[in-house]
Amino acid sequence: MNATASPSLVSAWNIQLRSVGNEQAQLSFRPLVSSAKKYVGADHRSDGKTLWVTLKSCLVTESCSAMSPAQPAPDAADKFTYMVVLPYKGEKVVVQGQGDVQEELPVSR
């Protein structure tokens, strides 16, 4: 984990993770609003012990995709909060921000 003085991605984007259903987790996030970027979802990989999650964005003029597409969060107070559904088998979950910043996410049940 990179312990830097920069603000936490988890805090800045209000990232929350909760276990839902059988072998799935729902990750919600509210990125900083940008007219130049769109947030398409998350890519993920697991080694059975850690689930690494990378939130993906691209310029609005580009075409890009993600393994788990973002959808508007149904219970959000605004249209800028998204959610993705991830495969989850009880691993430690680490979200990767810009560059090499990584943060472990607590999982609520």
N, C-alpha and C. Protein backbone atom coordinates (compact mmCIF):
# COMPACT_ATOMS: atom_id res chain seq x y z
N MET A 1 0.84 -1.17 0.00
CA MET A 1 0.00 0.00 0.00
C MET A 1 0.88 1.24 0.00
N ASN A 2 0.44 2.24 -0.68
CA ASN A 2 1.20 3.46 -0.77
C ASN A 2 0.67 4.45 0.26
N ALA A 3 1.47 4.77 1.25
CA ALA A 3 1.06 5.70 2.29
C ALA A 3 1.58 7.08 1.92
N THR A 4 0.76 7.86 1.21
CA THR A 4 1.17 9.19 0.78
C THR A 4 0.33 10.22 1.51
N ALA A 5 0.72 11.47 1.35
CA ALA A 5 0.00 12.56 1.98
C ALA A 5 -1.20 12.99 1.14
N SER A 6 -1.39 12.40 -0.03
CA SER A 6 -2.51 12.77 -0.89
C SER A 6 -3.81 12.29 -0.27
N PRO A 7 -4.91 12.97 -0.61
CA PRO A 7 -6.20 12.57 -0.04
C PRO A 7 -6.56 11.14 -0.43
N SER A 8 -7.26 10.49 0.43
CA SER A 8 -7.70 9.12 0.19
C SER A 8 -8.70 9.08 -0.95
N LEU A 9 -8.46 8.18 -1.91
CA LEU A 9 -9.42 7.98 -2.99
C LEU A 9 -10.74 7.48 -2.43
N VAL A 10 -10.66 6.59 -1.45
CA VAL A 10 -11.87 6.03 -0.84
C VAL A 10 -12.70 7.14 -0.20
N SER A 11 -12.06 8.05 0.49
CA SER A 11 -12.78 9.17 1.11
C SER A 11 -13.26 10.17 0.07
N ALA A 12 -12.37 10.55 -0.86
CA ALA A 12 -12.71 11.58 -1.85
C ALA A 12 -13.87 11.14 -2.74
N TRP A 13 -13.93 9.86 -3.07
CA TRP A 13 -14.99 9.35 -3.94
C TRP A 13 -16.11 8.67 -3.17
N ASN A 14 -16.08 8.72 -1.87
CA ASN A 14 -17.09 8.08 -1.03
C ASN A 14 -17.34 6.63 -1.46
N ILE A 15 -16.26 5.87 -1.61
CA ILE A 15 -16.35 4.49 -2.07
C ILE A 15 -16.81 3.61 -0.91
N GLN A 16 -17.83 2.81 -1.18
CA GLN A 16 -18.37 1.89 -0.19
C GLN A 16 -18.55 0.52 -0.83
N LEU A 17 -18.30 -0.50 -0.05
CA LEU A 17 -18.40 -1.87 -0.55
C LEU A 17 -19.23 -2.69 0.42
N ARG A 18 -20.20 -3.41 -0.12
CA ARG A 18 -20.98 -4.30 0.74
C ARG A 18 -21.22 -5.62 0.03
N SER A 19 -21.19 -6.66 0.82
CA SER A 19 -21.44 -8.01 0.32
C SER A 19 -22.94 -8.14 0.04
N VAL A 20 -23.28 -8.66 -1.13
CA VAL A 20 -24.68 -8.86 -1.50
C VAL A 20 -24.83 -10.21 -2.18
N GLY A 21 -25.88 -10.90 -1.85
CA GLY A 21 -26.16 -12.16 -2.53
C GLY A 21 -25.06 -13.18 -2.38
N ASN A 22 -25.09 -14.14 -3.27
CA ASN A 22 -24.15 -15.25 -3.24
C ASN A 22 -22.93 -14.91 -4.10
N GLU A 23 -21.77 -14.74 -3.47
CA GLU A 23 -20.51 -14.50 -4.15
C GLU A 23 -20.49 -13.21 -4.97
N GLN A 24 -21.13 -12.15 -4.46
CA GLN A 24 -21.09 -10.86 -5.12
C GLN A 24 -20.95 -9.75 -4.08
N ALA A 25 -20.37 -8.65 -4.53
CA ALA A 25 -20.29 -7.45 -3.71
C ALA A 25 -20.68 -6.27 -4.59
N GLN A 26 -21.27 -5.27 -3.95
CA GLN A 26 -21.67 -4.06 -4.65
C GLN A 26 -20.77 -2.92 -4.19
N LEU A 27 -20.10 -2.29 -5.14
CA LEU A 27 -19.23 -1.17 -4.85
C LEU A 27 -19.91 0.09 -5.37
N SER A 28 -20.10 1.07 -4.51
CA SER A 28 -20.66 2.35 -4.95
C SER A 28 -19.59 3.42 -4.81
N PHE A 29 -19.65 4.39 -5.71
CA PHE A 29 -18.66 5.47 -5.70
C PHE A 29 -19.24 6.73 -6.32
N ARG A 30 -18.75 7.87 -5.84
CA ARG A 30 -19.15 9.17 -6.37
C ARG A 30 -17.88 9.92 -6.75
N PRO A 31 -17.48 9.79 -8.02
CA PRO A 31 -16.25 10.45 -8.44
C PRO A 31 -16.41 11.97 -8.46
N LEU A 32 -15.29 12.66 -8.46
CA LEU A 32 -15.33 14.11 -8.62
C LEU A 32 -15.93 14.40 -9.99
N VAL A 33 -16.88 15.30 -10.06
CA VAL A 33 -17.61 15.58 -11.29
C VAL A 33 -16.66 16.23 -12.31
N SER A 34 -16.72 15.71 -13.53
CA SER A 34 -15.89 16.23 -14.61
C SER A 34 -16.70 16.22 -15.90
N SER A 35 -16.63 17.31 -16.64
CA SER A 35 -17.34 17.35 -17.92
C SER A 35 -16.52 16.68 -19.02
N ALA A 36 -15.27 16.35 -18.73
CA ALA A 36 -14.40 15.75 -19.74
C ALA A 36 -14.30 14.23 -19.62
N LYS A 37 -14.76 13.66 -18.50
CA LYS A 37 -14.61 12.21 -18.29
C LYS A 37 -15.95 11.54 -18.07
N LYS A 38 -15.99 10.26 -18.45
CA LYS A 38 -17.13 9.41 -18.12
C LYS A 38 -16.59 8.23 -17.34
N TYR A 39 -17.37 7.73 -16.42
CA TYR A 39 -16.97 6.64 -15.55
C TYR A 39 -17.71 5.39 -16.00
N VAL A 40 -16.95 4.41 -16.49
CA VAL A 40 -17.56 3.27 -17.17
C VAL A 40 -17.69 2.03 -16.30
N GLY A 41 -17.00 1.98 -15.15
CA GLY A 41 -17.12 0.82 -14.28
C GLY A 41 -15.81 0.43 -13.65
N ALA A 42 -15.62 -0.89 -13.50
CA ALA A 42 -14.42 -1.38 -12.81
C ALA A 42 -13.88 -2.63 -13.49
N ASP A 43 -12.58 -2.73 -13.51
CA ASP A 43 -11.90 -3.98 -13.85
C ASP A 43 -11.46 -4.60 -12.54
N HIS A 44 -11.33 -5.92 -12.52
CA HIS A 44 -10.99 -6.60 -11.28
C HIS A 44 -10.22 -7.87 -11.56
N ARG A 45 -9.44 -8.30 -10.56
CA ARG A 45 -8.74 -9.58 -10.62
C ARG A 45 -8.57 -10.09 -9.21
N SER A 46 -8.49 -11.40 -9.06
CA SER A 46 -8.36 -12.00 -7.74
C SER A 46 -7.37 -13.16 -7.78
N ASP A 47 -6.62 -13.30 -6.69
CA ASP A 47 -5.75 -14.46 -6.55
C ASP A 47 -6.29 -15.41 -5.48
N GLY A 48 -7.55 -15.18 -5.06
CA GLY A 48 -8.17 -15.99 -4.02
C GLY A 48 -8.00 -15.41 -2.63
N LYS A 49 -7.02 -14.54 -2.45
CA LYS A 49 -6.79 -13.89 -1.16
C LYS A 49 -7.12 -12.40 -1.22
N THR A 50 -6.86 -11.77 -2.38
CA THR A 50 -7.10 -10.35 -2.57
C THR A 50 -7.85 -10.13 -3.87
N LEU A 51 -8.86 -9.27 -3.82
CA LEU A 51 -9.59 -8.83 -5.01
C LEU A 51 -9.13 -7.40 -5.28
N TRP A 52 -8.42 -7.20 -6.40
CA TRP A 52 -7.97 -5.87 -6.79
C TRP A 52 -9.01 -5.27 -7.72
N VAL A 53 -9.40 -4.03 -7.45
CA VAL A 53 -10.42 -3.34 -8.23
C VAL A 53 -9.84 -2.03 -8.75
N THR A 54 -9.98 -1.78 -10.04
CA THR A 54 -9.56 -0.53 -10.65
C THR A 54 -10.79 0.15 -11.24
N LEU A 55 -11.12 1.33 -10.74
CA LEU A 55 -12.24 2.09 -11.29
C LEU A 55 -11.77 2.73 -12.59
N LYS A 56 -12.58 2.59 -13.64
CA LYS A 56 -12.17 3.03 -14.96
C LYS A 56 -12.95 4.25 -15.43
N SER A 57 -12.22 5.14 -16.08
CA SER A 57 -12.83 6.31 -16.71
C SER A 57 -12.10 6.56 -18.02
N CYS A 58 -12.75 7.33 -18.88
CA CYS A 58 -12.11 7.74 -20.11
C CYS A 58 -12.71 9.08 -20.53
N LEU A 59 -12.09 9.71 -21.49
CA LEU A 59 -12.62 10.97 -22.00
C LEU A 59 -13.98 10.72 -22.64
N VAL A 60 -14.87 11.68 -22.55
CA VAL A 60 -16.21 11.50 -23.10
C VAL A 60 -16.18 11.27 -24.61
N THR A 61 -15.11 11.68 -25.26
CA THR A 61 -14.99 11.50 -26.71
C THR A 61 -14.44 10.13 -27.09
N GLU A 62 -14.03 9.33 -26.10
CA GLU A 62 -13.45 8.01 -26.35
C GLU A 62 -14.46 6.91 -26.07
N SER A 63 -14.19 5.76 -26.64
CA SER A 63 -14.98 4.57 -26.35
C SER A 63 -14.16 3.68 -25.44
N CYS A 64 -14.72 3.29 -24.31
CA CYS A 64 -14.02 2.39 -23.40
C CYS A 64 -15.05 1.54 -22.65
N SER A 65 -14.57 0.45 -22.09
CA SER A 65 -15.47 -0.46 -21.39
C SER A 65 -14.80 -0.97 -20.13
N ALA A 66 -15.56 -1.69 -19.33
CA ALA A 66 -15.04 -2.26 -18.08
C ALA A 66 -15.62 -3.65 -17.90
N MET A 67 -14.91 -4.47 -17.14
CA MET A 67 -15.38 -5.83 -16.86
C MET A 67 -16.73 -5.81 -16.13
N SER A 68 -16.87 -4.88 -15.18
CA SER A 68 -18.13 -4.70 -14.45
C SER A 68 -18.63 -3.29 -14.76
N PRO A 69 -19.64 -3.15 -15.64
CA PRO A 69 -20.10 -1.82 -16.04
C PRO A 69 -20.73 -1.05 -14.88
N ALA A 70 -20.52 0.27 -14.89
CA ALA A 70 -21.12 1.15 -13.89
C ALA A 70 -22.57 1.42 -14.25
N GLN A 71 -23.39 1.52 -13.22
CA GLN A 71 -24.80 1.87 -13.37
C GLN A 71 -25.09 2.95 -12.35
N PRO A 72 -26.07 3.81 -12.63
CA PRO A 72 -26.44 4.78 -11.59
C PRO A 72 -26.89 4.02 -10.33
N ALA A 73 -26.42 4.46 -9.18
CA ALA A 73 -26.82 3.81 -7.93
C ALA A 73 -28.29 4.11 -7.67
N PRO A 74 -29.12 3.08 -7.50
CA PRO A 74 -30.57 3.29 -7.40
C PRO A 74 -31.00 4.07 -6.16
N ASP A 75 -30.25 3.99 -5.08
CA ASP A 75 -30.67 4.67 -3.85
C ASP A 75 -29.88 5.95 -3.59
N ALA A 76 -29.19 6.46 -4.60
CA ALA A 76 -28.36 7.66 -4.44
C ALA A 76 -29.19 8.93 -4.49
N ALA A 77 -28.70 9.94 -3.80
CA ALA A 77 -29.39 11.23 -3.76
C ALA A 77 -29.09 12.07 -4.99
N ASP A 78 -28.12 11.66 -5.81
CA ASP A 78 -27.78 12.43 -7.00
C ASP A 78 -27.46 11.50 -8.16
N LYS A 79 -27.31 12.07 -9.35
CA LYS A 79 -27.05 11.25 -10.54
C LYS A 79 -25.57 10.98 -10.76
N PHE A 80 -24.71 11.42 -9.85
CA PHE A 80 -23.27 11.23 -10.01
C PHE A 80 -22.73 10.08 -9.17
N THR A 81 -23.60 9.34 -8.49
CA THR A 81 -23.17 8.18 -7.72
C THR A 81 -23.45 6.92 -8.54
N TYR A 82 -22.42 6.10 -8.68
CA TYR A 82 -22.51 4.90 -9.50
C TYR A 82 -22.31 3.66 -8.64
N MET A 83 -22.66 2.53 -9.20
CA MET A 83 -22.39 1.25 -8.54
C MET A 83 -21.96 0.23 -9.57
N VAL A 84 -21.16 -0.72 -9.11
CA VAL A 84 -20.77 -1.87 -9.93
C VAL A 84 -20.94 -3.12 -9.08
N VAL A 85 -21.24 -4.22 -9.72
CA VAL A 85 -21.35 -5.51 -9.03
C VAL A 85 -20.08 -6.29 -9.37
N LEU A 86 -19.45 -6.80 -8.32
CA LEU A 86 -18.19 -7.52 -8.46
C LEU A 86 -18.31 -8.95 -7.96
N PRO A 87 -17.52 -9.87 -8.53
CA PRO A 87 -17.46 -11.21 -7.94
C PRO A 87 -16.76 -11.09 -6.59
N TYR A 88 -17.23 -11.79 -5.57
CA TYR A 88 -16.63 -11.65 -4.24
C TYR A 88 -16.76 -12.96 -3.47
N LYS A 89 -15.62 -13.46 -3.01
CA LYS A 89 -15.60 -14.72 -2.27
C LYS A 89 -14.96 -14.55 -0.91
N GLY A 90 -15.10 -13.37 -0.32
CA GLY A 90 -14.57 -13.12 1.01
C GLY A 90 -13.14 -12.63 1.06
N GLU A 91 -12.56 -12.30 -0.10
CA GLU A 91 -11.19 -11.83 -0.13
C GLU A 91 -11.05 -10.45 0.50
N LYS A 92 -9.81 -10.06 0.77
CA LYS A 92 -9.48 -8.68 1.09
C LYS A 92 -9.70 -7.91 -0.22
N VAL A 93 -10.26 -6.70 -0.15
CA VAL A 93 -10.54 -5.92 -1.36
C VAL A 93 -9.66 -4.67 -1.36
N VAL A 94 -8.94 -4.48 -2.46
CA VAL A 94 -8.05 -3.33 -2.61
C VAL A 94 -8.48 -2.57 -3.86
N VAL A 95 -8.75 -1.27 -3.70
CA VAL A 95 -9.10 -0.43 -4.84
C VAL A 95 -7.86 0.36 -5.24
N GLN A 96 -7.65 0.45 -6.55
CA GLN A 96 -6.50 1.19 -7.06
C GLN A 96 -6.98 2.50 -7.63
N GLY A 97 -6.31 3.57 -7.21
CA GLY A 97 -6.61 4.90 -7.72
C GLY A 97 -5.64 5.26 -8.82
N GLN A 98 -5.43 6.55 -9.00
CA GLN A 98 -4.51 7.00 -10.03
C GLN A 98 -3.08 6.65 -9.64
N GLY A 99 -2.29 6.31 -10.62
CA GLY A 99 -0.91 5.95 -10.36
C GLY A 99 -0.83 4.65 -9.58
N ASP A 100 0.02 4.63 -8.55
CA ASP A 100 0.20 3.40 -7.79
C ASP A 100 -0.49 3.44 -6.43
N VAL A 101 -1.43 4.37 -6.24
CA VAL A 101 -2.15 4.47 -4.97
C VAL A 101 -3.13 3.32 -4.85
N GLN A 102 -3.04 2.56 -3.75
CA GLN A 102 -3.95 1.45 -3.48
C GLN A 102 -4.46 1.56 -2.06
N GLU A 103 -5.74 1.26 -1.87
CA GLU A 103 -6.33 1.31 -0.54
C GLU A 103 -7.21 0.10 -0.30
N GLU A 104 -7.10 -0.48 0.88
CA GLU A 104 -7.96 -1.59 1.25
C GLU A 104 -9.32 -1.04 1.64
N LEU A 105 -10.37 -1.72 1.17
CA LEU A 105 -11.75 -1.30 1.48
C LEU A 105 -12.35 -2.20 2.55
N PRO A 106 -13.02 -1.61 3.52
CA PRO A 106 -13.79 -2.44 4.45
C PRO A 106 -15.04 -2.94 3.75
N VAL A 107 -15.47 -4.14 4.06
CA VAL A 107 -16.66 -4.72 3.45
C VAL A 107 -17.76 -4.76 4.51
N SER A 108 -18.89 -4.13 4.19
CA SER A 108 -20.04 -4.22 5.11
C SER A 108 -20.94 -5.34 4.61
N ARG A 109 -21.66 -5.91 5.54
CA ARG A 109 -22.53 -7.05 5.19
C ARG A 109 -23.98 -6.70 5.37
